[in-house]
Amino acid sequence: MKYFIKETERKGTCYHEFQKGKWDGKTFWHKDSLLIHDDIFFDLKLGNLFAETVSGYISYGETEISMEQWEAVYNKAESMGGGVKAAMEELKLWAEKNFQTEQVFTILGI
C-alpha cells in the first residue's frame, strides 16, 4: 500500500488510526487497524474530505463513520481523483470487511 500501513509498520505516534467498530475509549493501535501518517493525511487534505462529508468530524479526536457516511466519503473522493481517490481506494476493502460485522468504523486523530 502507498498511503496506509498496518500497526506493525508504525514508527511513532503521528498517525490517524482507522479502527474497526466503535472505539472503546482507551485502546489504540489495534492489529487490524489501518494507519495513515499525519503528513500524508494533511497533504492529501483528507481532513477536508471527511469534514465536508461527515457531520461532526473531529480531526484530532474520534469520529465514528457509518456505512452511509463511508459511501459519501468514497464517492466524493472518487470524483476528486488523484491521491485522494487512490488513498480511499486503499481503504475501501478494509471498510467493506469492517461493515460485514460492524455498524461503524472509528477514525482516531491521534
Protein backbone atom coordinates (compact mmCIF):
# COMPACT_ATOMS: atom_id res chain seq x y z
CA MET A 1 0.00 0.00 0.00
CA LYS A 2 1.16 3.51 -0.73
CA TYR A 3 -0.84 5.56 1.79
CA PHE A 4 -1.92 3.29 4.63
CA ILE A 5 0.11 0.96 6.81
CA LYS A 6 -0.66 -1.73 9.35
CA GLU A 7 0.04 -1.23 13.03
CA THR A 8 3.14 -3.45 12.87
CA GLU A 9 4.73 -0.95 10.43
CA ARG A 10 4.09 2.08 12.65
CA LYS A 11 7.02 4.26 13.69
CA GLY A 12 5.99 6.81 16.29
CA THR A 13 2.52 8.16 17.01
CA CYS A 14 1.85 10.77 14.29
CA TYR A 15 -0.91 8.79 12.61
CA HIS A 16 -4.63 8.77 12.10
CA GLU A 17 -5.89 5.33 13.07
CA PHE A 18 -8.83 3.75 11.29
CA GLN A 19 -10.18 1.29 13.85
CA LYS A 20 -12.84 -1.33 13.22
CA GLY A 21 -16.12 -0.77 15.07
CA LYS A 22 -16.67 1.65 17.93
CA TRP A 23 -13.68 2.90 19.86
CA ASP A 24 -13.65 1.64 23.46
CA GLY A 25 -12.38 4.99 24.72
CA LYS A 26 -8.95 3.77 25.73
CA THR A 27 -7.29 1.33 23.31
CA PHE A 28 -5.12 2.43 20.39
CA TRP A 29 -3.08 0.69 17.70
CA HIS A 30 -5.19 -2.42 17.08
CA LYS A 31 -3.60 -5.13 14.95
CA ASP A 32 -6.46 -4.91 12.42
CA SER A 33 -6.41 -1.10 12.19
CA LEU A 34 -5.11 0.83 9.22
CA LEU A 35 -2.95 3.89 9.84
CA ILE A 36 -2.11 6.87 7.71
CA HIS A 37 0.71 9.23 8.67
CA ASP A 38 -0.42 12.74 9.59
CA ASP A 39 1.81 14.28 6.90
CA ILE A 40 0.10 12.23 4.18
CA PHE A 41 -3.34 12.79 5.71
CA PHE A 42 -2.87 16.56 5.63
CA ASP A 43 -1.01 16.72 2.30
CA LEU A 44 -3.96 14.98 0.66
CA LYS A 45 -6.40 17.19 2.60
CA LEU A 46 -8.27 14.12 3.81
CA GLY A 47 -9.44 16.07 6.84
CA ASN A 48 -11.28 18.39 4.46
CA LEU A 49 -12.78 15.42 2.63
CA PHE A 50 -14.16 13.94 5.86
CA ALA A 51 -15.27 17.33 7.21
CA GLU A 52 -17.22 18.04 4.01
CA THR A 53 -18.98 14.68 4.01
CA VAL A 54 -19.30 13.66 7.68
CA SER A 55 -21.20 15.91 10.06
CA GLY A 56 -19.32 16.26 13.34
CA TYR A 57 -15.97 15.04 12.01
CA ILE A 58 -13.16 15.81 14.50
CA SER A 59 -9.63 15.80 13.07
CA TYR A 60 -7.87 15.29 16.43
CA GLY A 61 -10.42 13.20 18.24
CA GLU A 62 -12.62 10.23 17.48
CA THR A 63 -15.23 10.13 14.74
CA GLU A 64 -17.48 7.18 14.00
CA ILE A 65 -18.18 6.58 10.31
CA SER A 66 -21.31 4.68 9.28
CA MET A 67 -21.64 2.78 6.01
CA GLU A 68 -23.75 5.59 4.55
CA GLN A 69 -21.14 8.17 5.53
CA TRP A 70 -18.33 6.00 4.16
CA GLU A 71 -20.14 5.73 0.83
CA ALA A 72 -20.45 9.54 0.70
CA VAL A 73 -16.74 9.94 1.50
CA TYR A 74 -15.75 7.35 -1.08
CA ASN A 75 -17.97 8.84 -3.80
CA LYS A 76 -16.61 12.35 -3.18
CA ALA A 77 -13.03 11.05 -3.24
CA GLU A 78 -13.74 9.23 -6.48
CA SER A 79 -14.94 12.45 -8.10
CA MET A 80 -11.87 14.33 -6.81
CA GLY A 81 -9.42 11.85 -8.30
CA GLY A 82 -5.66 11.85 -7.76
CA GLY A 83 -4.14 10.89 -4.44
CA VAL A 84 -7.41 11.37 -2.57
CA LYS A 85 -9.10 8.75 -4.73
CA ALA A 86 -6.10 6.43 -4.52
CA ALA A 87 -5.98 6.67 -0.71
CA MET A 88 -9.69 5.90 -0.38
CA GLU A 89 -9.26 3.00 -2.81
CA GLU A 90 -6.72 1.53 -0.39
CA LEU A 91 -9.19 1.92 2.46
CA LYS A 92 -12.15 0.50 0.52
CA LEU A 93 -11.57 -3.23 1.01
CA TRP A 94 -10.80 -2.75 4.71
CA ALA A 95 -14.01 -0.69 5.14
CA GLU A 96 -16.12 -3.26 3.30
CA LYS A 97 -14.80 -6.03 5.56
CA ASN A 98 -15.47 -3.85 8.61
CA PHE A 99 -19.12 -3.33 7.64
CA GLN A 100 -19.68 -7.09 7.35
CA THR A 101 -19.58 -7.27 11.15
CA GLU A 102 -19.69 -3.68 12.44
CA GLN A 103 -22.12 -0.76 12.16
CA VAL A 104 -19.31 1.83 12.08
CA PHE A 105 -15.57 2.28 11.97
CA THR A 106 -13.79 4.92 14.02
CA ILE A 107 -11.18 7.41 12.90
CA LEU A 108 -8.84 8.34 15.72
CA GLY A 109 -6.88 11.52 15.09
CA ILE A 110 -4.01 10.78 17.41
